[in-house]
Amino acid sequence: MGAYYDNLKHTQSKVYHCLEKHPQTRNSDKNLYLAIVYEFYNDKLFKDPENGLSLPLERIHDLPTFESVRRMRQKIQSNKDGKGKFPPTSEAIRQKRKWTEEAYRSYLGYSSELRTI
């Protein structure tokens, strides 16, 4: 568990850094993931003068997973009091995430009381 735990801590610090430095990443997990790749894994990208940047498939395992980045963003932006750091800058995104979470909970059969625990 040690190495995996360390990887998660590194991912969390990178997500925190990008959320703090780039407010536009607070509204989009895709933009957040790209900011992390550009800022911390630029050496893994292939620079092609004609097509820009690309990621060779053999280097994909050197990057954090999209899901890990999304979960870390979610953890940082929320807490039990609902006062997480770096909330989305868009009210529409905030409402959409709340609705999506409630829709998933309903679909999966979770009780609404679990949300308050």
Protein backbone atom coordinates (compact mmCIF):
# COMPACT_ATOMS: atom_id res chain seq x y z
CA MET A 1 0.00 0.00 0.00
CA GLY A 2 2.96 2.34 0.53
CA ALA A 3 3.81 3.12 -3.10
CA TYR A 4 0.17 3.47 -4.15
CA TYR A 5 -0.53 5.73 -1.17
CA ASP A 6 2.46 7.90 -2.09
CA ASN A 7 1.19 8.15 -5.67
CA LEU A 8 -2.20 9.33 -4.40
CA LYS A 9 -0.56 11.94 -2.18
CA HIS A 10 1.47 13.21 -5.15
CA THR A 11 -1.66 13.30 -7.30
CA GLN A 12 -3.51 15.20 -4.59
CA SER A 13 -0.77 17.83 -4.32
CA LYS A 14 -0.73 18.29 -8.12
CA VAL A 15 -4.52 18.64 -8.25
CA TYR A 16 -4.42 21.15 -5.37
CA HIS A 17 -1.71 23.15 -7.15
CA CYS A 18 -3.62 23.33 -10.43
CA LEU A 19 -6.94 24.20 -8.76
CA GLU A 20 -5.21 27.02 -6.92
CA LYS A 21 -3.15 28.32 -9.85
CA HIS A 22 -5.65 27.82 -12.71
CA PRO A 23 -9.23 28.74 -11.66
CA GLN A 24 -10.64 27.51 -14.99
CA THR A 25 -9.72 23.95 -13.95
CA ARG A 26 -12.27 24.11 -11.12
CA ASN A 27 -15.14 23.71 -13.57
CA SER A 28 -13.82 20.93 -15.81
CA ASP A 29 -12.11 17.67 -14.95
CA LYS A 30 -10.82 17.48 -18.52
CA ASN A 31 -9.17 20.91 -18.23
CA LEU A 32 -7.78 19.94 -14.83
CA TYR A 33 -6.31 16.72 -16.18
CA LEU A 34 -4.73 18.52 -19.14
CA ALA A 35 -3.27 21.19 -16.85
CA ILE A 36 -1.68 18.46 -14.71
CA VAL A 37 -0.26 16.69 -17.75
CA TYR A 38 1.13 19.90 -19.26
CA GLU A 39 2.56 21.18 -16.00
CA PHE A 40 3.94 18.03 -14.37
CA TYR A 41 4.34 15.46 -17.17
CA ASN A 42 5.43 17.63 -20.08
CA ASP A 43 8.55 15.50 -20.47
CA LYS A 44 6.30 12.51 -21.32
CA LEU A 45 4.70 14.33 -24.26
CA PHE A 46 5.94 14.12 -27.81
CA LYS A 47 6.38 17.51 -29.44
CA ASP A 48 5.48 17.36 -33.12
CA PRO A 49 5.96 20.63 -35.05
CA GLU A 50 3.04 19.79 -37.37
CA ASN A 51 0.51 18.31 -34.94
CA GLY A 52 1.44 19.84 -31.58
CA LEU A 53 1.69 17.67 -28.48
CA SER A 54 0.79 14.01 -28.23
CA LEU A 55 1.22 11.24 -25.69
CA PRO A 56 2.78 8.00 -26.90
CA LEU A 57 0.78 5.03 -25.61
CA GLU A 58 3.80 3.43 -23.96
CA ARG A 59 4.02 6.46 -21.63
CA ILE A 60 0.40 6.47 -20.51
CA HIS A 61 1.24 4.43 -17.40
CA ASP A 62 3.52 7.22 -16.21
CA LEU A 63 0.53 9.53 -15.71
CA PRO A 64 -2.09 9.49 -12.97
CA THR A 65 -5.44 8.09 -14.05
CA PHE A 66 -8.20 10.49 -14.99
CA GLU A 67 -10.37 8.93 -12.27
CA SER A 68 -7.73 9.58 -9.58
CA VAL A 69 -7.53 13.23 -10.62
CA ARG A 70 -11.34 13.53 -10.63
CA ARG A 71 -11.65 11.97 -7.18
CA MET A 72 -8.93 14.19 -5.75
CA ARG A 73 -10.63 17.27 -7.20
CA GLN A 74 -13.89 16.11 -5.67
CA LYS A 75 -12.23 15.53 -2.28
CA ILE A 76 -10.57 18.95 -2.28
CA GLN A 77 -13.68 20.81 -3.43
CA SER A 78 -16.03 19.19 -0.95
CA ASN A 79 -16.11 18.20 2.67
CA LYS A 80 -18.80 17.29 5.21
CA ASP A 81 -19.64 20.97 5.80
CA GLY A 82 -19.86 21.70 2.09
CA LYS A 83 -17.07 24.27 2.44
CA GLY A 84 -14.31 22.76 0.37
CA LYS A 85 -11.44 24.66 -1.15
CA PHE A 86 -11.49 26.06 -4.68
CA PRO A 87 -15.19 25.60 -5.47
CA PRO A 88 -16.28 25.73 -9.10
CA THR A 89 -16.28 29.29 -10.43
CA SER A 90 -19.51 28.59 -12.30
CA GLU A 91 -22.81 28.29 -10.43
CA ALA A 92 -24.16 26.18 -13.30
CA ILE A 93 -21.33 23.65 -12.83
CA ARG A 94 -21.93 23.60 -9.06
CA GLN A 95 -25.63 22.85 -9.58
CA LYS A 96 -24.94 20.25 -12.29
CA ARG A 97 -22.53 18.34 -10.03
CA LYS A 98 -25.04 18.38 -7.19
CA TRP A 99 -27.79 17.11 -9.49
CA THR A 100 -25.52 14.43 -10.99
CA GLU A 101 -24.52 13.18 -7.52
CA GLU A 102 -28.16 12.98 -6.45
CA ALA A 103 -29.12 11.19 -9.68
CA TYR A 104 -26.38 8.58 -9.16
CA ARG A 105 -27.38 8.07 -5.53
CA SER A 106 -31.00 7.59 -6.54
CA TYR A 107 -30.13 5.22 -9.39
CA LEU A 108 -27.89 3.13 -7.14
CA GLY A 109 -30.62 2.96 -4.49
CA TYR A 110 -28.77 4.93 -1.80
CA SER A 111 -30.87 6.52 0.88
CA SER A 112 -30.92 10.32 0.99
CA GLU A 113 -30.01 10.09 4.71
CA LEU A 114 -26.58 8.71 3.77
CA ARG A 115 -25.73 12.12 2.36
CA THR A 116 -25.81 13.71 5.82
CA ILE A 117 -23.65 11.09 7.55
